[in-house]
Amino acid sequence: MAGYSGTPLPRKLGIKPGHRVALLEAPAGFEATLEDLPDGVVIRPDLAADLAAGVPTDVIVLFVTERHVLRARLDEVRRGLAQNGGFWVAWPKRASKVPTDVTEDVIRAIALPTGLVDNKVCAINEIWSGLRLVIRRENRTPAT
């Protein structure tokens, strides 16, 4: 589904052919909005299988309405995220009227001290905004 910009959501989120994608705490029906996924994309509802297999996840999208959920899931996300992967934190837009204590500033305050840096913001849909975080270059483990 193309967003406000007309750009398909998978492209906005940086989903490329062969990527492993985890949708954490996603609202019901969200996966169906990811139309026209590139070839070979694998979507999972959690990180458990990839973590158990030692396989990094390329794109992780975590939907949060409460900051304590972001804090609680951050370590798991960091362990599962590919070194050059993208971690999207989705939070309800103010206009959505969804109760939340999460804002873009709250996400930064929680995530940046852990070695992540934000590099993109997008409208995921009419309810959710997304902030993309990546591992700072100096914190990335070199490929072996």
Protein backbone atom coordinates (compact mmCIF):
# COMPACT_ATOMS: atom_id res chain seq x y z
CA MET A 1 0.00 0.00 0.00
CA ALA A 2 1.47 3.32 -1.01
CA GLY A 3 1.63 5.87 1.74
CA TYR A 4 1.07 9.59 1.61
CA SER A 5 4.13 10.02 -0.59
CA GLY A 6 2.96 7.40 -3.07
CA THR A 7 6.00 5.31 -2.18
CA PRO A 8 5.16 1.66 -1.45
CA LEU A 9 5.54 0.87 2.25
CA PRO A 10 8.10 -1.94 1.74
CA ARG A 11 10.37 0.55 -0.06
CA LYS A 12 9.87 3.18 2.68
CA LEU A 13 10.90 0.60 5.27
CA GLY A 14 13.97 -0.45 3.26
CA ILE A 15 12.78 -4.02 2.62
CA LYS A 16 14.84 -5.56 -0.18
CA PRO A 17 14.88 -8.95 -1.94
CA GLY A 18 15.83 -11.78 0.40
CA HIS A 19 15.44 -9.73 3.57
CA ARG A 20 14.31 -11.20 6.86
CA VAL A 21 11.68 -8.95 8.44
CA ALA A 22 10.23 -9.12 11.97
CA LEU A 23 6.96 -7.38 12.80
CA LEU A 24 6.85 -7.08 16.58
CA GLU A 25 3.62 -6.16 18.38
CA ALA A 26 2.09 -5.37 14.97
CA PRO A 27 -1.59 -4.48 14.89
CA ALA A 28 -3.94 -7.09 13.42
CA GLY A 29 -3.87 -7.03 9.63
CA PHE A 30 -0.70 -4.95 9.34
CA GLU A 31 1.23 -7.57 7.37
CA ALA A 32 -1.41 -7.40 4.63
CA THR A 33 -0.53 -3.73 4.07
CA LEU A 34 2.94 -4.76 2.90
CA GLU A 35 1.84 -5.29 -0.69
CA ASP A 36 4.27 -6.17 -3.46
CA LEU A 37 7.08 -7.41 -1.26
CA PRO A 38 10.37 -8.03 -3.06
CA ASP A 39 11.24 -11.64 -3.93
CA GLY A 40 12.41 -13.91 -1.15
CA VAL A 41 11.33 -11.73 1.77
CA VAL A 42 10.63 -13.73 4.93
CA ILE A 43 8.28 -12.13 7.47
CA ARG A 44 8.11 -13.30 11.06
CA PRO A 45 5.93 -12.16 14.00
CA ASP A 46 8.90 -12.30 16.38
CA LEU A 47 12.68 -12.71 16.57
CA ALA A 48 12.76 -16.07 18.37
CA ALA A 49 13.44 -18.34 15.38
CA ASP A 50 16.13 -16.10 13.90
CA LEU A 51 17.81 -15.56 17.28
CA ALA A 52 17.81 -19.32 17.94
CA ALA A 53 19.34 -19.97 14.53
CA GLY A 54 21.86 -17.15 14.90
CA VAL A 55 20.50 -15.48 11.76
CA PRO A 56 20.33 -11.68 11.84
CA THR A 57 17.13 -9.87 10.91
CA ASP A 58 17.44 -7.15 8.27
CA VAL A 59 14.38 -5.06 9.11
CA ILE A 60 12.61 -5.02 12.48
CA VAL A 61 9.44 -3.02 13.05
CA LEU A 62 8.31 -2.68 16.67
CA PHE A 63 4.91 -1.11 17.30
CA VAL A 64 4.68 0.59 20.70
CA THR A 65 2.15 2.69 22.56
CA GLU A 66 3.99 2.57 25.88
CA ARG A 67 7.63 3.47 26.44
CA HIS A 68 8.18 0.56 28.85
CA VAL A 69 7.56 -1.85 25.93
CA LEU A 70 10.34 -0.19 23.93
CA ARG A 71 12.69 -0.43 26.91
CA ALA A 72 11.75 -4.07 27.49
CA ARG A 73 12.26 -5.14 23.86
CA LEU A 74 15.37 -3.10 23.02
CA ASP A 75 17.98 -5.67 24.10
CA GLU A 76 16.26 -8.43 22.12
CA VAL A 77 16.09 -6.18 19.06
CA ARG A 78 19.76 -5.23 19.34
CA ARG A 79 20.74 -8.93 19.53
CA GLY A 80 18.62 -9.81 16.50
CA LEU A 81 19.34 -6.85 14.22
CA ALA A 82 21.74 -7.31 11.31
CA GLN A 83 24.79 -5.05 11.63
CA ASN A 84 23.61 -2.99 8.65
CA GLY A 85 19.91 -3.55 9.35
CA GLY A 86 17.14 -1.12 10.15
CA PHE A 87 15.06 -1.02 13.33
CA TRP A 88 11.80 0.88 12.99
CA VAL A 89 9.96 2.01 16.09
CA ALA A 90 6.34 2.74 15.18
CA TRP A 91 4.26 4.89 17.51
CA PRO A 92 0.76 6.37 17.16
CA LYS A 93 0.50 9.80 15.60
CA ARG A 94 -1.00 12.41 17.88
CA ALA A 95 -3.92 12.87 15.44
CA SER A 96 -4.75 9.15 15.69
CA LYS A 97 -6.14 9.65 19.22
CA VAL A 98 -4.59 6.30 20.23
CA PRO A 99 -3.49 6.62 23.87
CA THR A 100 0.31 6.63 24.09
CA ASP A 101 3.21 7.95 26.12
CA VAL A 102 5.62 7.52 23.18
CA THR A 103 6.91 10.35 21.00
CA GLU A 104 9.83 10.69 18.63
CA ASP A 105 11.82 12.36 21.43
CA VAL A 106 11.03 9.52 23.86
CA ILE A 107 12.27 6.96 21.33
CA ARG A 108 15.53 8.85 20.88
CA ALA A 109 16.00 9.25 24.64
CA ILE A 110 15.65 5.48 25.13
CA ALA A 111 17.47 4.20 22.03
CA LEU A 112 20.38 6.56 21.36
CA PRO A 113 22.28 5.77 24.59
CA THR A 114 22.37 2.10 23.50
CA GLY A 115 24.55 2.81 20.46
CA LEU A 116 21.77 3.30 17.93
CA VAL A 117 21.26 6.41 15.82
CA ASP A 118 18.13 7.56 13.99
CA ASN A 119 18.35 8.26 10.29
CA LYS A 120 14.83 8.34 8.86
CA VAL A 121 11.22 9.12 9.75
CA CYS A 122 8.18 8.04 7.77
CA ALA A 123 4.41 7.87 7.87
CA ILE A 124 3.66 4.14 8.03
CA ASN A 125 -0.08 4.70 7.66
CA GLU A 126 -2.79 7.04 8.93
CA ILE A 127 -2.28 5.85 12.53
CA TRP A 128 1.43 5.08 12.86
CA SER A 129 4.63 7.08 12.37
CA GLY A 130 7.98 5.34 12.23
CA LEU A 131 11.50 6.29 13.31
CA ARG A 132 14.31 4.22 11.79
CA LEU A 133 17.28 3.44 13.98
CA VAL A 134 20.51 1.76 12.94
CA ILE A 135 23.61 0.62 14.79
CA ARG A 136 26.16 3.43 14.79
CA ARG A 137 28.97 2.65 12.33
CA GLU A 138 31.59 2.69 15.08
CA ASN A 139 29.54 0.13 17.04
CA ARG A 140 29.09 -2.35 14.20
CA THR A 141 30.86 -5.67 14.34
CA PRO A 142 32.96 -6.22 11.20
CA ALA A 143 31.78 -9.05 8.95
CA THR A 144 33.85 -12.19 9.28
